Amino acid sequence: MTHAFFKALLFMAAGSIILRVHHEQNIFKMGG
């Protein structure tokens, strides 16, 4: 149950990041 909460949250946040940084998924090409 707790994993469902925080893992769904993490994937949603990661998806928002990917959308807003031009579909980049490499963490070393993000930053700041």
PDB file of all heavy atoms in Angstrom:
ATOM      1  N   MET A   1       0.819  -1.204   0.000  1.00  0.00           N
ATOM      2  CA  MET A   1       0.000   0.000   0.000  1.00  0.00           C
ATOM      3  C   MET A   1       0.862   1.267   0.000  1.00  0.00           C
ATOM      4  O   MET A   1       0.661   2.164  -0.828  1.00  0.00           O
ATOM      5  CB  MET A   1      -0.927   0.004   1.214  1.00  0.00           C
ATOM      6  CG  MET A   1      -1.847   1.209   1.281  1.00  0.00           C
ATOM      7  SD  MET A   1      -2.799   1.308   2.819  1.00  0.00           S
ATOM      8  CE  MET A   1      -1.525   1.836   3.974  1.00  0.00           C
ATOM      9  N   THR A   2       1.828   1.343   0.913  1.00  0.00           N
ATOM     10  CA  THR A   2       2.655   2.552   0.972  1.00  0.00           C
ATOM     11  C   THR A   2       3.490   2.691  -0.300  1.00  0.00           C
ATOM     12  O   THR A   2       3.692   3.798  -0.804  1.00  0.00           O
ATOM     13  CB  THR A   2       3.575   2.522   2.200  1.00  0.00           C
ATOM     14  OG1 THR A   2       4.439   1.376   2.143  1.00  0.00           O
ATOM     15  CG2 THR A   2       2.763   2.478   3.475  1.00  0.00           C
ATOM     16  N   HIS A   3       3.959   1.557  -0.838  1.00  0.00           N
ATOM     17  CA  HIS A   3       4.728   1.593  -2.080  1.00  0.00           C
ATOM     18  C   HIS A   3       3.878   2.130  -3.227  1.00  0.00           C
ATOM     19  O   HIS A   3       4.372   2.860  -4.096  1.00  0.00           O
ATOM     20  CB  HIS A   3       5.250   0.193  -2.413  1.00  0.00           C
ATOM     21  CG  HIS A   3       5.982   0.111  -3.714  1.00  0.00           C
ATOM     22  ND1 HIS A   3       5.387  -0.337  -4.871  1.00  0.00           N
ATOM     23  CD2 HIS A   3       7.258   0.418  -4.040  1.00  0.00           C
ATOM     24  CE1 HIS A   3       6.266  -0.299  -5.859  1.00  0.00           C
ATOM     25  NE2 HIS A   3       7.408   0.154  -5.384  1.00  0.00           N
ATOM     26  N   ALA A   4       2.591   1.786  -3.249  1.00  0.00           N
ATOM     27  CA  ALA A   4       1.701   2.305  -4.294  1.00  0.00           C
ATOM     28  C   ALA A   4       1.649   3.827  -4.233  1.00  0.00           C
ATOM     29  O   ALA A   4       1.639   4.496  -5.282  1.00  0.00           O
ATOM     30  CB  ALA A   4       0.306   1.712  -4.132  1.00  0.00           C
ATOM     31  N   PHE A   5       1.640   4.384  -3.034  1.00  0.00           N
ATOM     32  CA  PHE A   5       1.584   5.844  -2.891  1.00  0.00           C
ATOM     33  C   PHE A   5       2.857   6.497  -3.427  1.00  0.00           C
ATOM     34  O   PHE A   5       2.805   7.353  -4.317  1.00  0.00           O
ATOM     35  CB  PHE A   5       1.384   6.236  -1.425  1.00  0.00           C
ATOM     36  CG  PHE A   5       0.111   5.734  -0.809  1.00  0.00           C
ATOM     37  CD1 PHE A   5       0.025   5.499   0.567  1.00  0.00           C
ATOM     38  CD2 PHE A   5      -1.006   5.479  -1.588  1.00  0.00           C
ATOM     39  CE1 PHE A   5      -1.142   5.034   1.130  1.00  0.00           C
ATOM     40  CE2 PHE A   5      -2.184   5.011  -1.019  1.00  0.00           C
ATOM     41  CZ  PHE A   5      -2.244   4.788   0.348  1.00  0.00           C
ATOM     42  N   PHE A   6       3.996   6.085  -2.885  1.00  0.00           N
ATOM     43  CA  PHE A   6       5.205   6.836  -3.237  1.00  0.00           C
ATOM     44  C   PHE A   6       5.763   6.449  -4.603  1.00  0.00           C
ATOM     45  O   PHE A   6       6.417   7.263  -5.252  1.00  0.00           O
ATOM     46  CB  PHE A   6       6.275   6.767  -2.140  1.00  0.00           C
ATOM     47  CG  PHE A   6       6.826   5.404  -1.811  1.00  0.00           C
ATOM     48  CD1 PHE A   6       7.675   4.726  -2.666  1.00  0.00           C
ATOM     49  CD2 PHE A   6       6.534   4.819  -0.578  1.00  0.00           C
ATOM     50  CE1 PHE A   6       8.204   3.494  -2.331  1.00  0.00           C
ATOM     51  CE2 PHE A   6       7.056   3.574  -0.232  1.00  0.00           C
ATOM     52  CZ  PHE A   6       7.893   2.913  -1.112  1.00  0.00           C
ATOM     53  N   LYS A   7       5.497   5.235  -5.087  1.00  0.00           N
ATOM     54  CA  LYS A   7       6.020   4.892  -6.412  1.00  0.00           C
ATOM     55  C   LYS A   7       5.197   5.549  -7.515  1.00  0.00           C
ATOM     56  O   LYS A   7       5.752   6.006  -8.526  1.00  0.00           O
ATOM     57  CB  LYS A   7       6.066   3.371  -6.571  1.00  0.00           C
ATOM     58  CG  LYS A   7       6.758   2.902  -7.854  1.00  0.00           C
ATOM     59  CD  LYS A   7       8.150   3.529  -8.040  1.00  0.00           C
ATOM     60  CE  LYS A   7       9.135   3.239  -6.940  1.00  0.00           C
ATOM     61  NZ  LYS A   7       9.557   1.854  -6.894  1.00  0.00           N
ATOM     62  N   ALA A   8       3.877   5.616  -7.334  1.00  0.00           N
ATOM     63  CA  ALA A   8       3.056   6.361  -8.296  1.00  0.00           C
ATOM     64  C   ALA A   8       3.475   7.826  -8.307  1.00  0.00           C
ATOM     65  O   ALA A   8       3.585   8.458  -9.374  1.00  0.00           O
ATOM     66  CB  ALA A   8       1.577   6.234  -7.935  1.00  0.00           C
ATOM     67  N   LEU A   9       3.742   8.374  -7.129  1.00  0.00           N
ATOM     68  CA  LEU A   9       4.196   9.764  -7.027  1.00  0.00           C
ATOM     69  C   LEU A   9       5.519   9.963  -7.748  1.00  0.00           C
ATOM     70  O   LEU A   9       5.686  10.939  -8.505  1.00  0.00           O
ATOM     71  CB  LEU A   9       4.327  10.141  -5.547  1.00  0.00           C
ATOM     72  CG  LEU A   9       4.911  11.523  -5.239  1.00  0.00           C
ATOM     73  CD1 LEU A   9       4.040  12.614  -5.822  1.00  0.00           C
ATOM     74  CD2 LEU A   9       5.066  11.702  -3.725  1.00  0.00           C
ATOM     75  N   LEU A  10       6.468   9.085  -7.551  1.00  0.00           N
ATOM     76  CA  LEU A  10       7.777   9.218  -8.190  1.00  0.00           C
ATOM     77  C   LEU A  10       7.670   9.132  -9.705  1.00  0.00           C
ATOM     78  O   LEU A  10       8.326   9.904 -10.427  1.00  0.00           O
ATOM     79  CB  LEU A  10       8.729   8.144  -7.656  1.00  0.00           C
ATOM     80  CG  LEU A  10       9.287   8.378  -6.253  1.00  0.00           C
ATOM     81  CD1 LEU A  10       9.999   7.137  -5.739  1.00  0.00           C
ATOM     82  CD2 LEU A  10      10.241   9.576  -6.249  1.00  0.00           C
ATOM     83  N   PHE A  11       6.872   8.223 -10.212  1.00  0.00           N
ATOM     84  CA  PHE A  11       6.734   8.112 -11.664  1.00  0.00           C
ATOM     85  C   PHE A  11       6.015   9.331 -12.243  1.00  0.00           C
ATOM     86  O   PHE A  11       6.341   9.787 -13.342  1.00  0.00           O
ATOM     87  CB  PHE A  11       6.011   6.820 -12.032  1.00  0.00           C
ATOM     88  CG  PHE A  11       6.934   5.668 -12.273  1.00  0.00           C
ATOM     89  CD1 PHE A  11       7.001   4.630 -11.374  1.00  0.00           C
ATOM     90  CD2 PHE A  11       7.760   5.637 -13.394  1.00  0.00           C
ATOM     91  CE1 PHE A  11       7.861   3.556 -11.585  1.00  0.00           C
ATOM     92  CE2 PHE A  11       8.629   4.580 -13.615  1.00  0.00           C
ATOM     93  CZ  PHE A  11       8.682   3.533 -12.705  1.00  0.00           C
ATOM     94  N   MET A  12       5.016   9.840 -11.517  1.00  0.00           N
ATOM     95  CA  MET A  12       4.349  11.044 -12.002  1.00  0.00           C
ATOM     96  C   MET A  12       5.321  12.221 -12.052  1.00  0.00           C
ATOM     97  O   MET A  12       5.361  12.978 -13.036  1.00  0.00           O
ATOM     98  CB  MET A  12       3.178  11.384 -11.088  1.00  0.00           C
ATOM     99  CG  MET A  12       1.984  10.472 -11.219  1.00  0.00           C
ATOM    100  SD  MET A  12       0.662  11.021 -10.112  1.00  0.00           S
ATOM    101  CE  MET A  12      -0.568   9.755 -10.402  1.00  0.00           C
ATOM    102  N   ALA A  13       6.109  12.378 -10.999  1.00  0.00           N
ATOM    103  CA  ALA A  13       7.086  13.468 -10.981  1.00  0.00           C
ATOM    104  C   ALA A  13       8.120  13.279 -12.077  1.00  0.00           C
ATOM    105  O   ALA A  13       8.497  14.233 -12.770  1.00  0.00           O
ATOM    106  CB  ALA A  13       7.752  13.540  -9.611  1.00  0.00           C
ATOM    107  N   ALA A  14       8.584  12.046 -12.258  1.00  0.00           N
ATOM    108  CA  ALA A  14       9.562  11.783 -13.322  1.00  0.00           C
ATOM    109  C   ALA A  14       8.957  12.072 -14.688  1.00  0.00           C
ATOM    110  O   ALA A  14       9.631  12.635 -15.575  1.00  0.00           O
ATOM    111  CB  ALA A  14      10.022  10.326 -13.245  1.00  0.00           C
ATOM    112  N   GLY A  15       7.686  11.706 -14.890  1.00  0.00           N
ATOM    113  CA  GLY A  15       7.041  12.000 -16.162  1.00  0.00           C
ATOM    114  C   GLY A  15       6.924  13.494 -16.412  1.00  0.00           C
ATOM    115  O   GLY A  15       7.114  13.964 -17.544  1.00  0.00           O
ATOM    116  N   SER A  16       6.620  14.264 -15.370  1.00  0.00           N
ATOM    117  CA  SER A  16       6.550  15.719 -15.513  1.00  0.00           C
ATOM    118  C   SER A  16       7.907  16.293 -15.885  1.00  0.00           C
ATOM    119  O   SER A  16       8.015  17.200 -16.730  1.00  0.00           O
ATOM    120  CB  SER A  16       6.054  16.347 -14.210  1.00  0.00           C
ATOM    121  OG  SER A  16       4.752  15.893 -13.895  1.00  0.00           O
ATOM    122  N   ILE A  17       8.961  15.764 -15.274  1.00  0.00           N
ATOM    123  CA  ILE A  17      10.322  16.217 -15.609  1.00  0.00           C
ATOM    124  C   ILE A  17      10.633  15.908 -17.066  1.00  0.00           C
ATOM    125  O   ILE A  17      11.119  16.761 -17.822  1.00  0.00           O
ATOM    126  CB  ILE A  17      11.350  15.546 -14.676  1.00  0.00           C
ATOM    127  CG1 ILE A  17      11.156  16.007 -13.239  1.00  0.00           C
ATOM    128  CG2 ILE A  17      12.776  15.846 -15.146  1.00  0.00           C
ATOM    129  CD1 ILE A  17      11.943  15.197 -12.223  1.00  0.00           C
ATOM    130  N   ILE A  18      10.348  14.678 -17.485  1.00  0.00           N
ATOM    131  CA  ILE A  18      10.668  14.254 -18.851  1.00  0.00           C
ATOM    132  C   ILE A  18       9.932  15.109 -19.872  1.00  0.00           C
ATOM    133  O   ILE A  18      10.498  15.529 -20.888  1.00  0.00           O
ATOM    134  CB  ILE A  18      10.324  12.758 -19.028  1.00  0.00           C
ATOM    135  CG1 ILE A  18      11.265  11.893 -18.175  1.00  0.00           C
ATOM    136  CG2 ILE A  18      10.419  12.347 -20.492  1.00  0.00           C
ATOM    137  CD1 ILE A  18      10.819  10.454 -18.049  1.00  0.00           C
ATOM    138  N   LEU A  19       8.660  15.394 -19.605  1.00  0.00           N
ATOM    139  CA  LEU A  19       7.888  16.223 -20.536  1.00  0.00           C
ATOM    140  C   LEU A  19       8.480  17.623 -20.669  1.00  0.00           C
ATOM    141  O   LEU A  19       8.534  18.186 -21.769  1.00  0.00           O
ATOM    142  CB  LEU A  19       6.445  16.331 -20.053  1.00  0.00           C
ATOM    143  CG  LEU A  19       5.453  15.244 -20.480  1.00  0.00           C
ATOM    144  CD1 LEU A  19       4.058  15.598 -19.977  1.00  0.00           C
ATOM    145  CD2 LEU A  19       5.423  15.080 -21.994  1.00  0.00           C
ATOM    146  N   ARG A  20       8.940  18.170 -19.554  1.00  0.00           N
ATOM    147  CA  ARG A  20       9.359  19.578 -19.554  1.00  0.00           C
ATOM    148  C   ARG A  20      10.823  19.788 -19.905  1.00  0.00           C
ATOM    149  O   ARG A  20      11.253  20.927 -20.049  1.00  0.00           O
ATOM    150  CB  ARG A  20       9.026  20.189 -18.186  1.00  0.00           C
ATOM    151  CG  ARG A  20       7.515  20.278 -17.943  1.00  0.00           C
ATOM    152  CD  ARG A  20       7.179  20.850 -16.587  1.00  0.00           C
ATOM    153  NE  ARG A  20       7.702  22.199 -16.405  1.00  0.00           N
ATOM    154  CZ  ARG A  20       7.581  22.903 -15.292  1.00  0.00           C
ATOM    155  NH1 ARG A  20       6.939  22.358 -14.246  1.00  0.00           N
ATOM    156  NH2 ARG A  20       8.085  24.122 -15.200  1.00  0.00           N
ATOM    157  N   VAL A  21      11.574  18.715 -20.047  1.00  0.00           N
ATOM    158  CA  VAL A  21      12.976  18.857 -20.479  1.00  0.00           C
ATOM    159  C   VAL A  21      13.170  18.170 -21.834  1.00  0.00           C
ATOM    160  O   VAL A  21      14.201  17.564 -22.105  1.00  0.00           O
ATOM    161  CB  VAL A  21      13.969  18.302 -19.439  1.00  0.00           C
ATOM    162  CG1 VAL A  21      13.911  19.105 -18.161  1.00  0.00           C
ATOM    163  CG2 VAL A  21      13.723  16.821 -19.156  1.00  0.00           C
ATOM    164  N   HIS A  22      12.136  18.284 -22.678  1.00  0.00           N
ATOM    165  CA  HIS A  22      12.224  17.828 -24.071  1.00  0.00           C
ATOM    166  C   HIS A  22      12.450  16.320 -24.157  1.00  0.00           C
ATOM    167  O   HIS A  22      13.254  15.846 -24.972  1.00  0.00           O
ATOM    168  CB  HIS A  22      13.339  18.584 -24.812  1.00  0.00           C
ATOM    169  CG  HIS A  22      13.299  20.068 -24.597  1.00  0.00           C
ATOM    170  ND1 HIS A  22      12.383  20.884 -25.227  1.00  0.00           N
ATOM    171  CD2 HIS A  22      14.033  20.880 -23.781  1.00  0.00           C
ATOM    172  CE1 HIS A  22      12.575  22.138 -24.838  1.00  0.00           C
ATOM    173  NE2 HIS A  22      13.550  22.166 -23.965  1.00  0.00           N
ATOM    174  N   HIS A  23      11.750  15.576 -23.311  1.00  0.00           N
ATOM    175  CA  HIS A  23      11.770  14.102 -23.327  1.00  0.00           C
ATOM    176  C   HIS A  23      13.167  13.533 -23.071  1.00  0.00           C
ATOM    177  O   HIS A  23      13.482  12.434 -23.522  1.00  0.00           O
ATOM    178  CB  HIS A  23      11.204  13.578 -24.644  1.00  0.00           C
ATOM    179  CG  HIS A  23       9.762  13.926 -24.841  1.00  0.00           C
ATOM    180  ND1 HIS A  23       8.738  13.207 -24.261  1.00  0.00           N
ATOM    181  CD2 HIS A  23       9.175  14.960 -25.522  1.00  0.00           C
ATOM    182  CE1 HIS A  23       7.575  13.769 -24.592  1.00  0.00           C
ATOM    183  NE2 HIS A  23       7.811  14.822 -25.350  1.00  0.00           N
ATOM    184  N   GLU A  24      13.954  14.259 -22.336  1.00  0.00           N
ATOM    185  CA  GLU A  24      15.269  13.754 -21.923  1.00  0.00           C
ATOM    186  C   GLU A  24      15.100  12.906 -20.655  1.00  0.00           C
ATOM    187  O   GLU A  24      14.400  13.301 -19.730  1.00  0.00           O
ATOM    188  CB  GLU A  24      16.223  14.922 -21.636  1.00  0.00           C
ATOM    189  CG  GLU A  24      17.599  14.508 -21.173  1.00  0.00           C
ATOM    190  CD  GLU A  24      18.302  13.628 -22.185  1.00  0.00           C
ATOM    191  OE1 GLU A  24      18.562  14.112 -23.301  1.00  0.00           O
ATOM    192  OE2 GLU A  24      18.556  12.447 -21.854  1.00  0.00           O
ATOM    193  N   GLN A  25      15.735  11.716 -20.623  1.00  0.00           N
ATOM    194  CA  GLN A  25      15.621  10.830 -19.471  1.00  0.00           C
ATOM    195  C   GLN A  25      16.945  10.578 -18.761  1.00  0.00           C
ATOM    196  O   GLN A  25      16.966   9.953 -17.705  1.00  0.00           O
ATOM    197  CB  GLN A  25      14.997   9.489 -19.901  1.00  0.00           C
ATOM    198  CG  GLN A  25      13.558   9.637 -20.373  1.00  0.00           C
ATOM    199  CD  GLN A  25      12.889   8.317 -20.733  1.00  0.00           C
ATOM    200  OE1 GLN A  25      11.919   8.291 -21.479  1.00  0.00           O
ATOM    201  NE2 GLN A  25      13.382   7.215 -20.214  1.00  0.00           N
ATOM    202  N   ASN A  26      18.040  11.068 -19.315  1.00  0.00           N
ATOM    203  CA  ASN A  26      19.355  10.899 -18.701  1.00  0.00           C
ATOM    204  C   ASN A  26      19.512  11.915 -17.576  1.00  0.00           C
ATOM    205  O   ASN A  26      19.488  13.127 -17.811  1.00  0.00           O
ATOM    206  CB  ASN A  26      20.445  11.080 -19.751  1.00  0.00           C
ATOM    207  CG  ASN A  26      21.824  10.695 -19.222  1.00  0.00           C
ATOM    208  OD1 ASN A  26      22.124  10.856 -18.040  1.00  0.00           O
ATOM    209  ND2 ASN A  26      22.656  10.177 -20.101  1.00  0.00           N
ATOM    210  N   ILE A  27      19.681  11.440 -16.360  1.00  0.00           N
ATOM    211  CA  ILE A  27      19.735  12.363 -15.217  1.00  0.00           C
ATOM    212  C   ILE A  27      20.945  13.288 -15.294  1.00  0.00           C
ATOM    213  O   ILE A  27      20.907  14.406 -14.767  1.00  0.00           O
ATOM    214  CB  ILE A  27      19.741  11.591 -13.879  1.00  0.00           C
ATOM    215  CG1 ILE A  27      20.933  10.636 -13.776  1.00  0.00           C
ATOM    216  CG2 ILE A  27      18.437  10.837 -13.691  1.00  0.00           C
ATOM    217  CD1 ILE A  27      21.066   9.947 -12.427  1.00  0.00           C
ATOM    218  N   PHE A  28      22.034  12.845 -15.952  1.00  0.00           N
ATOM    219  CA  PHE A  28      23.226  13.679 -16.040  1.00  0.00           C
ATOM    220  C   PHE A  28      23.075  14.785 -17.076  1.00  0.00           C
ATOM    221  O   PHE A  28      23.955  15.634 -17.199  1.00  0.00           O
ATOM    222  CB  PHE A  28      24.451  12.813 -16.339  1.00  0.00           C
ATOM    223  CG  PHE A  28      24.891  11.987 -15.169  1.00  0.00           C
ATOM    224  CD1 PHE A  28      24.493  10.668 -15.052  1.00  0.00           C
ATOM    225  CD2 PHE A  28      25.681  12.528 -14.172  1.00  0.00           C
ATOM    226  CE1 PHE A  28      24.889   9.900 -13.974  1.00  0.00           C
ATOM    227  CE2 PHE A  28      26.076  11.767 -13.084  1.00  0.00           C
ATOM    228  CZ  PHE A  28      25.676  10.446 -12.982  1.00  0.00           C
ATOM    229  N   LYS A  29      21.977  14.786 -17.828  1.00  0.00           N
ATOM    230  CA  LYS A  29      21.702  15.866 -18.769  1.00  0.00           C
ATOM    231  C   LYS A  29      20.628  16.793 -18.224  1.00  0.00           C
ATOM    232  O   LYS A  29      20.075  17.617 -18.955  1.00  0.00           O
ATOM    233  CB  LYS A  29      21.279  15.294 -20.123  1.00  0.00           C
ATOM    234  CG  LYS A  29      22.397  14.533 -20.826  1.00  0.00           C
ATOM    235  CD  LYS A  29      21.959  14.027 -22.187  1.00  0.00           C
ATOM    236  CE  LYS A  29      23.092  13.270 -22.876  1.00  0.00           C
ATOM    237  NZ  LYS A  29      22.687  12.749 -24.209  1.00  0.00           N
ATOM    238  N   MET A  30      20.320  16.661 -16.949  1.00  0.00           N
ATOM    239  CA  MET A  30      19.348  17.545 -16.309  1.00  0.00           C
ATOM    240  C   MET A  30      20.117  18.512 -15.407  1.00  0.00           C
ATOM    241  O   MET A  30      20.991  19.212 -15.838  1.00  0.00           O
ATOM    242  CB  MET A  30      18.319  16.717 -15.535  1.00  0.00           C
ATOM    243  CG  MET A  30      17.512  15.771 -16.428  1.00  0.00           C
ATOM    244  SD  MET A  30      16.352  14.732 -15.497  1.00  0.00           S
ATOM    245  CE  MET A  30      15.769  13.657 -16.780  1.00  0.00           C
ATOM    246  N   GLY A  31      19.795  18.553 -14.132  1.00  0.00           N
ATOM    247  CA  GLY A  31      20.519  19.408 -13.190  1.00  0.00           C
ATOM    248  C   GLY A  31      19.848  20.751 -12.974  1.00  0.00           C
ATOM    249  O   GLY A  31      19.335  21.380 -13.900  1.00  0.00           O
ATOM    250  N   GLY A  32      19.857  21.203 -11.724  1.00  0.00           N
ATOM    251  CA  GLY A  32      19.366  22.531 -11.386  1.00  0.00           C
ATOM    252  C   GLY A  32      17.877  22.742 -11.556  1.00  0.00           C
ATOM    253  O   GLY A  32      17.419  23.888 -11.623  1.00  0.00           O
TER     254      GLY A  32
END
